[in-house]
Amino acid sequence: MKTRFNLLIVFLLFTTALYAQSNPLAMNSPKLKFLIHVTQSQDATRAALAFLVAKTALEEGHTVSLFLAGDGVRLLQDQTLNEVTGLGTGKLREHYDAIVKGNGRFYLSGNSSKARGITQDDLKDKPAEFALPNVLVKLAADSDRILTY
């Protein structure tokens, strides 16, 4: 009887471990590095969604870097942060503040920023820096998951 009970316990532990590995919502899921690449700012819903996903990943204990390129660099301008609200995806400013609080990091394409008049003043007091394509490649190579908006 004791042997059957021990086998049952081993079986339950084994199936629980398998479930935890296969279920992305499992409590003890491994912490991952996310790279979120944002290349546009015209679609408010999509822009806010990118920041919402970053915020959510940070709240779940993951590490998040956002690389903004193309028109996406405009998202860190204060006016854009304060005005953009996505349909069903919330306010960009609220998501940005949560990302900052969660130690998220922003990288802005230097070339895209220069072409759109984004300067160091736009990044003042923000966890952000200008970066070249090699930084994007390094972030991608070091990430577990990459999401693009």
N, C-alpha and C. Protein backbone atom coordinates (compact mmCIF):
# COMPACT_ATOMS: atom_id res chain seq x y z
N MET A 1 0.82 -1.19 0.00
CA MET A 1 0.00 0.00 0.00
C MET A 1 0.87 1.26 0.00
N LYS A 2 1.94 1.26 0.80
CA LYS A 2 2.83 2.40 0.89
C LYS A 2 3.51 2.65 -0.46
N THR A 3 3.86 1.59 -1.18
CA THR A 3 4.50 1.74 -2.49
C THR A 3 3.55 2.41 -3.47
N ARG A 4 2.27 2.00 -3.46
CA ARG A 4 1.28 2.62 -4.34
C ARG A 4 1.14 4.11 -4.02
N PHE A 5 1.09 4.41 -2.74
CA PHE A 5 0.96 5.81 -2.33
C PHE A 5 2.17 6.62 -2.80
N ASN A 6 3.37 6.08 -2.64
CA ASN A 6 4.59 6.77 -3.09
C ASN A 6 4.58 6.96 -4.60
N LEU A 7 4.14 5.95 -5.34
CA LEU A 7 4.05 6.08 -6.79
C LEU A 7 3.03 7.15 -7.19
N LEU A 8 1.94 7.20 -6.47
CA LEU A 8 0.93 8.21 -6.74
C LEU A 8 1.50 9.61 -6.50
N ILE A 9 2.23 9.79 -5.43
CA ILE A 9 2.85 11.09 -5.12
C ILE A 9 3.85 11.45 -6.21
N VAL A 10 4.69 10.51 -6.62
CA VAL A 10 5.67 10.78 -7.68
C VAL A 10 4.94 11.16 -8.97
N PHE A 11 3.90 10.43 -9.31
CA PHE A 11 3.14 10.73 -10.51
C PHE A 11 2.54 12.14 -10.44
N LEU A 12 1.95 12.50 -9.32
CA LEU A 12 1.36 13.83 -9.18
C LEU A 12 2.42 14.93 -9.27
N LEU A 13 3.55 14.73 -8.64
CA LEU A 13 4.62 15.72 -8.72
C LEU A 13 5.12 15.86 -10.16
N PHE A 14 5.27 14.74 -10.83
CA PHE A 14 5.75 14.76 -12.21
C PHE A 14 4.76 15.48 -13.13
N THR A 15 3.47 15.16 -13.02
CA THR A 15 2.48 15.80 -13.89
C THR A 15 2.34 17.29 -13.55
N THR A 16 2.47 17.65 -12.29
CA THR A 16 2.42 19.06 -11.91
C THR A 16 3.60 19.81 -12.51
N ALA A 17 4.78 19.21 -12.49
CA ALA A 17 5.97 19.84 -13.08
C ALA A 17 5.79 20.00 -14.59
N LEU A 18 5.26 18.99 -15.25
CA LEU A 18 5.01 19.09 -16.69
C LEU A 18 4.00 20.19 -17.00
N TYR A 19 2.94 20.27 -16.21
CA TYR A 19 1.93 21.30 -16.41
C TYR A 19 2.55 22.68 -16.24
N ALA A 20 3.33 22.86 -15.23
CA ALA A 20 3.95 24.17 -14.97
C ALA A 20 4.86 24.58 -16.13
N GLN A 21 5.56 23.62 -16.73
CA GLN A 21 6.45 23.93 -17.85
C GLN A 21 5.67 24.28 -19.11
N SER A 22 4.53 23.64 -19.31
CA SER A 22 3.78 23.84 -20.54
C SER A 22 2.76 24.96 -20.45
N ASN A 23 2.45 25.43 -19.24
CA ASN A 23 1.44 26.45 -19.05
C ASN A 23 2.12 27.81 -18.88
N PRO A 24 1.93 28.75 -19.84
CA PRO A 24 2.58 30.05 -19.74
C PRO A 24 2.09 30.88 -18.56
N LEU A 25 0.97 30.52 -17.98
CA LEU A 25 0.44 31.25 -16.84
C LEU A 25 0.78 30.61 -15.51
N ALA A 26 1.62 29.58 -15.54
CA ALA A 26 1.99 28.89 -14.30
C ALA A 26 2.68 29.86 -13.36
N MET A 27 2.43 29.69 -12.07
CA MET A 27 2.94 30.62 -11.06
C MET A 27 4.46 30.73 -11.06
N ASN A 28 5.15 29.65 -11.26
CA ASN A 28 6.60 29.66 -11.17
C ASN A 28 7.27 29.66 -12.54
N SER A 29 6.65 30.32 -13.50
CA SER A 29 7.24 30.35 -14.83
C SER A 29 8.55 31.12 -14.79
N PRO A 30 9.50 30.73 -15.64
CA PRO A 30 10.81 31.41 -15.62
C PRO A 30 10.67 32.86 -16.05
N LYS A 31 11.52 33.69 -15.51
CA LYS A 31 11.53 35.10 -15.88
C LYS A 31 12.30 35.26 -17.18
N LEU A 32 11.76 36.03 -18.09
CA LEU A 32 12.31 36.17 -19.43
C LEU A 32 12.76 37.59 -19.71
N LYS A 33 13.58 37.72 -20.75
CA LYS A 33 13.97 39.04 -21.27
C LYS A 33 13.14 39.30 -22.51
N PHE A 34 12.38 40.39 -22.48
CA PHE A 34 11.56 40.79 -23.61
C PHE A 34 12.18 41.99 -24.31
N LEU A 35 12.15 41.97 -25.62
CA LEU A 35 12.47 43.13 -26.43
C LEU A 35 11.20 43.50 -27.17
N ILE A 36 10.78 44.75 -27.01
CA ILE A 36 9.61 45.23 -27.72
C ILE A 36 10.08 46.31 -28.69
N HIS A 37 9.88 46.02 -29.97
CA HIS A 37 10.36 46.90 -31.05
C HIS A 37 9.16 47.65 -31.61
N VAL A 38 9.19 48.98 -31.48
CA VAL A 38 8.06 49.81 -31.91
C VAL A 38 8.54 50.71 -33.05
N THR A 39 7.85 50.63 -34.19
CA THR A 39 8.30 51.38 -35.36
C THR A 39 7.30 52.41 -35.85
N GLN A 40 6.20 52.60 -35.15
CA GLN A 40 5.21 53.56 -35.61
C GLN A 40 4.58 54.28 -34.42
N SER A 41 4.02 55.45 -34.69
CA SER A 41 3.35 56.22 -33.64
C SER A 41 1.97 56.70 -34.08
N GLN A 42 1.63 56.52 -35.34
CA GLN A 42 0.38 57.06 -35.87
C GLN A 42 -0.86 56.33 -35.33
N ASP A 43 -0.76 55.06 -35.10
CA ASP A 43 -1.89 54.27 -34.61
C ASP A 43 -1.82 54.27 -33.08
N ALA A 44 -2.66 55.11 -32.45
CA ALA A 44 -2.63 55.27 -31.00
C ALA A 44 -2.89 53.95 -30.27
N THR A 45 -3.80 53.16 -30.79
CA THR A 45 -4.14 51.89 -30.13
C THR A 45 -2.94 50.95 -30.14
N ARG A 46 -2.30 50.86 -31.27
CA ARG A 46 -1.14 49.97 -31.40
C ARG A 46 0.04 50.47 -30.55
N ALA A 47 0.27 51.77 -30.54
CA ALA A 47 1.35 52.34 -29.74
C ALA A 47 1.12 52.08 -28.25
N ALA A 48 -0.11 52.35 -27.79
CA ALA A 48 -0.42 52.12 -26.38
C ALA A 48 -0.36 50.63 -26.04
N LEU A 49 -0.73 49.77 -26.99
CA LEU A 49 -0.66 48.34 -26.76
C LEU A 49 0.77 47.88 -26.54
N ALA A 50 1.70 48.41 -27.31
CA ALA A 50 3.10 48.04 -27.12
C ALA A 50 3.57 48.38 -25.72
N PHE A 51 3.22 49.57 -25.24
CA PHE A 51 3.62 49.99 -23.89
C PHE A 51 2.85 49.19 -22.83
N LEU A 52 1.60 48.86 -23.08
CA LEU A 52 0.81 48.06 -22.15
C LEU A 52 1.42 46.67 -21.98
N VAL A 53 1.83 46.06 -23.07
CA VAL A 53 2.46 44.73 -23.01
C VAL A 53 3.78 44.82 -22.24
N ALA A 54 4.55 45.86 -22.49
CA ALA A 54 5.81 46.04 -21.75
C ALA A 54 5.54 46.19 -20.26
N LYS A 55 4.58 47.01 -19.92
CA LYS A 55 4.19 47.21 -18.51
C LYS A 55 3.77 45.89 -17.87
N THR A 56 2.96 45.12 -18.58
CA THR A 56 2.46 43.85 -18.06
C THR A 56 3.60 42.86 -17.83
N ALA A 57 4.53 42.78 -18.78
CA ALA A 57 5.67 41.87 -18.62
C ALA A 57 6.50 42.26 -17.40
N LEU A 58 6.71 43.55 -17.20
CA LEU A 58 7.47 44.01 -16.02
C LEU A 58 6.73 43.66 -14.73
N GLU A 59 5.42 43.85 -14.72
CA GLU A 59 4.62 43.52 -13.54
C GLU A 59 4.69 42.04 -13.20
N GLU A 60 4.92 41.20 -14.21
CA GLU A 60 5.04 39.77 -13.99
C GLU A 60 6.47 39.35 -13.69
N GLY A 61 7.36 40.32 -13.52
CA GLY A 61 8.72 40.03 -13.09
C GLY A 61 9.73 39.82 -14.20
N HIS A 62 9.34 40.06 -15.44
CA HIS A 62 10.26 39.90 -16.56
C HIS A 62 11.10 41.17 -16.74
N THR A 63 12.13 41.07 -17.54
CA THR A 63 12.96 42.21 -17.92
C THR A 63 12.50 42.70 -19.29
N VAL A 64 12.41 44.02 -19.45
CA VAL A 64 11.90 44.56 -20.70
C VAL A 64 12.77 45.70 -21.20
N SER A 65 13.09 45.64 -22.49
CA SER A 65 13.71 46.74 -23.21
C SER A 65 12.80 47.09 -24.37
N LEU A 66 12.64 48.37 -24.63
CA LEU A 66 11.87 48.83 -25.78
C LEU A 66 12.83 49.55 -26.72
N PHE A 67 12.81 49.16 -27.98
CA PHE A 67 13.61 49.83 -29.00
C PHE A 67 12.64 50.53 -29.93
N LEU A 68 12.71 51.87 -29.95
CA LEU A 68 11.82 52.67 -30.77
C LEU A 68 12.58 53.12 -32.00
N ALA A 69 11.99 52.88 -33.16
CA ALA A 69 12.63 53.24 -34.44
C ALA A 69 11.58 53.83 -35.36
N GLY A 70 12.02 54.40 -36.47
CA GLY A 70 11.08 55.03 -37.39
C GLY A 70 10.27 56.07 -36.65
N ASP A 71 8.97 56.15 -36.98
CA ASP A 71 8.11 57.11 -36.29
C ASP A 71 7.89 56.76 -34.83
N GLY A 72 8.24 55.55 -34.42
CA GLY A 72 8.09 55.14 -33.03
C GLY A 72 8.89 56.00 -32.06
N VAL A 73 9.95 56.65 -32.54
CA VAL A 73 10.76 57.49 -31.64
C VAL A 73 9.95 58.65 -31.07
N ARG A 74 8.92 59.06 -31.77
CA ARG A 74 8.08 60.18 -31.30
C ARG A 74 7.33 59.84 -30.01
N LEU A 75 7.19 58.56 -29.71
CA LEU A 75 6.41 58.15 -28.54
C LEU A 75 7.01 58.61 -27.23
N LEU A 76 8.28 58.94 -27.19
CA LEU A 76 8.89 59.40 -25.93
C LEU A 76 8.89 60.92 -25.80
N GLN A 77 8.37 61.61 -26.77
CA GLN A 77 8.21 63.06 -26.62
C GLN A 77 7.08 63.31 -25.63
N ASP A 78 7.28 64.28 -24.74
CA ASP A 78 6.29 64.53 -23.68
C ASP A 78 4.89 64.79 -24.24
N GLN A 79 4.79 65.56 -25.30
CA GLN A 79 3.48 65.85 -25.87
C GLN A 79 2.78 64.57 -26.31
N THR A 80 3.52 63.68 -26.96
CA THR A 80 2.94 62.41 -27.41
C THR A 80 2.56 61.54 -26.21
N LEU A 81 3.45 61.45 -25.23
CA LEU A 81 3.16 60.66 -24.03
C LEU A 81 1.87 61.14 -23.37
N ASN A 82 1.67 62.43 -23.34
CA ASN A 82 0.51 62.99 -22.64
C ASN A 82 -0.79 62.94 -23.45
N GLU A 83 -0.69 62.82 -24.77
CA GLU A 83 -1.90 62.90 -25.60
C GLU A 83 -2.41 61.56 -26.11
N VAL A 84 -1.54 60.57 -26.25
CA VAL A 84 -1.94 59.30 -26.89
C VAL A 84 -2.73 58.42 -25.93
N THR A 85 -3.90 58.02 -26.38
CA THR A 85 -4.74 57.05 -25.67
C THR A 85 -5.24 56.06 -26.71
N GLY A 86 -4.97 54.79 -26.47
CA GLY A 86 -5.42 53.76 -27.40
C GLY A 86 -6.83 53.33 -27.10
N LEU A 87 -7.52 52.88 -28.12
CA LEU A 87 -8.88 52.38 -27.97
C LEU A 87 -8.82 51.00 -27.31
N GLY A 88 -9.14 50.95 -26.05
CA GLY A 88 -9.09 49.69 -25.30
C GLY A 88 -7.71 49.30 -24.81
N THR A 89 -6.70 50.14 -25.10
CA THR A 89 -5.34 49.81 -24.67
C THR A 89 -4.76 50.84 -23.71
N GLY A 90 -5.54 51.83 -23.34
CA GLY A 90 -5.15 52.75 -22.28
C GLY A 90 -4.31 53.94 -22.70
N LYS A 91 -3.88 54.68 -21.68
CA LYS A 91 -3.13 55.91 -21.88
C LYS A 91 -1.63 55.63 -21.93
N LEU A 92 -0.99 56.16 -22.95
CA LEU A 92 0.44 55.96 -23.13
C LEU A 92 1.22 56.44 -21.91
N ARG A 93 0.88 57.60 -21.36
CA ARG A 93 1.60 58.15 -20.21
C ARG A 93 1.55 57.20 -19.01
N GLU A 94 0.37 56.65 -18.73
CA GLU A 94 0.24 55.72 -17.59
C GLU A 94 1.11 54.49 -17.79
N HIS A 95 1.13 53.95 -19.00
CA HIS A 95 1.96 52.78 -19.28
C HIS A 95 3.44 53.14 -19.18
N TYR A 96 3.81 54.29 -19.73
CA TYR A 96 5.20 54.74 -19.66
C TYR A 96 5.65 54.86 -18.21
N ASP A 97 4.84 55.51 -17.38
CA ASP A 97 5.21 55.69 -15.97
C ASP A 97 5.40 54.34 -15.27
N ALA A 98 4.55 53.37 -15.59
CA ALA A 98 4.68 52.03 -15.00
C ALA A 98 5.94 51.33 -15.51
N ILE A 99 6.28 51.53 -16.78
CA ILE A 99 7.50 50.94 -17.33
C ILE A 99 8.72 51.51 -16.63
N VAL A 100 8.73 52.82 -16.43
CA VAL A 100 9.84 53.47 -15.72
C VAL A 100 9.94 52.93 -14.29
N LYS A 101 8.81 52.84 -13.61
CA LYS A 101 8.78 52.33 -12.24
C LYS A 101 9.28 50.88 -12.17
N GLY A 102 8.99 50.11 -13.21
CA GLY A 102 9.40 48.70 -13.25
C GLY A 102 10.80 48.49 -13.80
N ASN A 103 11.55 49.56 -13.99
CA ASN A 103 12.94 49.51 -14.49
C ASN A 103 13.06 49.08 -15.94
N GLY A 104 12.03 49.37 -16.74
CA GLY A 104 12.14 49.15 -18.17
C GLY A 104 13.11 50.16 -18.77
N ARG A 105 13.65 49.82 -19.91
CA ARG A 105 14.66 50.67 -20.55
C ARG A 105 14.25 50.95 -21.99
N PHE A 106 14.47 52.19 -22.45
CA PHE A 106 14.13 52.61 -23.80
C PHE A 106 15.39 52.91 -24.60
N TYR A 107 15.39 52.46 -25.84
CA TYR A 107 16.45 52.76 -26.80
C TYR A 107 15.77 53.38 -28.00
N LEU A 108 16.28 54.51 -28.47
CA LEU A 108 15.72 55.17 -29.64
C LEU A 108 16.73 55.14 -30.76
N SER A 109 16.28 54.74 -31.92
CA SER A 109 17.15 54.76 -33.10
C SER A 109 17.71 56.17 -33.26
N GLY A 110 19.03 56.27 -33.26
CA GLY A 110 19.67 57.56 -33.41
C GLY A 110 19.36 58.20 -34.75
N ASN A 111 19.40 57.41 -35.80
CA ASN A 111 19.12 57.94 -37.14
C ASN A 111 17.66 58.36 -37.29
N SER A 112 16.74 57.55 -36.78
CA SER A 112 15.32 57.90 -36.84
C SER A 112 15.04 59.16 -36.03
N SER A 113 15.69 59.26 -34.88
CA SER A 113 15.49 60.43 -34.01
C SER A 113 16.01 61.69 -34.68
N LYS A 114 17.20 61.60 -35.23
CA LYS A 114 17.80 62.77 -35.90
C LYS A 114 16.91 63.24 -37.05
N ALA A 115 16.40 62.30 -37.84
CA ALA A 115 15.56 62.65 -38.98
C ALA A 115 14.23 63.29 -38.56
N ARG A 116 13.80 63.04 -37.31
CA ARG A 116 12.51 63.56 -36.83
C ARG A 116 12.68 64.67 -35.80
N GLY A 117 13.90 65.14 -35.62
CA GLY A 117 14.14 66.26 -34.71
C GLY A 117 14.09 65.91 -33.24
N ILE A 118 14.21 64.65 -32.90
CA ILE A 118 14.25 64.23 -31.50
C ILE A 118 15.66 64.49 -30.98
N THR A 119 15.77 65.21 -29.86
CA THR A 119 17.08 65.57 -29.32
C THR A 119 17.27 65.00 -27.92
N GLN A 120 18.45 65.22 -27.39
CA GLN A 120 18.76 64.78 -26.03
C GLN A 120 17.80 65.42 -25.03
N ASP A 121 17.33 66.63 -25.31
CA ASP A 121 16.36 67.29 -24.42
C ASP A 121 15.07 66.48 -24.29
N ASP A 122 14.68 65.79 -25.37
CA ASP A 122 13.47 64.96 -25.32
C ASP A 122 13.65 63.75 -24.40
N LEU A 123 14.89 63.36 -24.17
CA LEU A 123 15.18 62.18 -23.34
C LEU A 123 15.54 62.55 -21.90
N LYS A 124 15.62 63.85 -21.62
CA LYS A 124 16.02 64.29 -20.28
C LYS A 124 15.12 63.67 -19.21
N ASP A 125 15.77 63.12 -18.18
CA ASP A 125 15.10 62.49 -17.04
C ASP A 125 14.29 61.24 -17.42
N LYS A 126 14.63 60.63 -18.54
CA LYS A 126 13.96 59.39 -18.96
C LYS A 126 15.00 58.28 -19.04
N PRO A 127 14.59 57.04 -18.73
CA PRO A 127 15.53 55.92 -18.84
C PRO A 127 15.69 55.52 -20.31
N ALA A 128 16.29 56.42 -21.08
CA ALA A 128 16.36 56.24 -22.52
C ALA A 128 17.69 56.73 -23.06
N GLU A 129 18.08 56.16 -24.19
CA GLU A 129 19.30 56.59 -24.86
C GLU A 129 19.16 56.35 -26.35
N PHE A 130 19.94 57.11 -27.11
CA PHE A 130 19.99 56.90 -28.55
C PHE A 130 20.86 55.68 -28.83
N ALA A 131 20.50 54.94 -29.86
CA ALA A 131 21.23 53.71 -30.17
C ALA A 131 21.25 53.49 -31.69
N LEU A 132 22.28 52.81 -32.12
CA LEU A 132 22.44 52.45 -33.53
C LEU A 132 21.90 51.04 -33.76
N PRO A 133 21.78 50.62 -35.01
CA PRO A 133 21.23 49.28 -35.31
C PRO A 133 21.98 48.14 -34.61
N ASN A 134 23.28 48.30 -34.35
CA ASN A 134 24.00 47.22 -33.67
C ASN A 134 23.46 46.97 -32.27
N VAL A 135 22.92 48.00 -31.63
CA VAL A 135 22.32 47.82 -30.30
C VAL A 135 21.03 47.02 -30.43
N LEU A 136 20.24 47.31 -31.44
CA LEU A 136 19.02 46.52 -31.68
C LEU A 136 19.37 45.06 -31.91
N VAL A 137 20.39 44.81 -32.70
CA VAL A 137 20.81 43.43 -32.97
C VAL A 137 21.26 42.75 -31.67
N LYS A 138 22.04 43.45 -30.84
CA LYS A 138 22.50 42.88 -29.58
C LYS A 138 21.32 42.59 -28.64
N LEU A 139 20.40 43.54 -28.54
CA LEU A 139 19.22 43.33 -27.69
C LEU A 139 18.41 42.13 -28.17
N ALA A 140 18.25 42.02 -29.49
CA ALA A 140 17.50 40.88 -30.05
C ALA A 140 18.20 39.57 -29.75
N ALA A 141 19.52 39.55 -29.89
CA ALA A 141 20.28 38.32 -29.65
C ALA A 141 20.22 37.91 -28.17
N ASP A 142 20.13 38.89 -27.28
CA ASP A 142 20.12 38.62 -25.84
C ASP A 142 18.72 38.37 -25.29
N SER A 143 17.69 38.55 -26.11
CA SER A 143 16.31 38.44 -25.61
C SER A 143 15.76 37.02 -25.77
N ASP A 144 14.83 36.70 -24.88
CA ASP A 144 14.11 35.42 -24.98
C ASP A 144 12.89 35.54 -25.89
N ARG A 145 12.29 36.73 -25.90
CA ARG A 145 11.09 36.97 -26.72
C ARG A 145 11.21 38.35 -27.34
N ILE A 146 10.77 38.47 -28.61
CA ILE A 146 10.78 39.75 -29.31
C ILE A 146 9.37 39.98 -29.83
N LEU A 147 8.82 41.15 -29.51
CA LEU A 147 7.50 41.54 -29.99
C LEU A 147 7.67 42.83 -30.79
N THR A 148 6.96 42.92 -31.90
CA THR A 148 7.09 44.08 -32.77
C THR A 148 5.73 44.74 -32.97
N TYR A 149 5.71 46.05 -32.83
CA TYR A 149 4.49 46.83 -33.03
C TYR A 149 4.78 47.97 -33.99
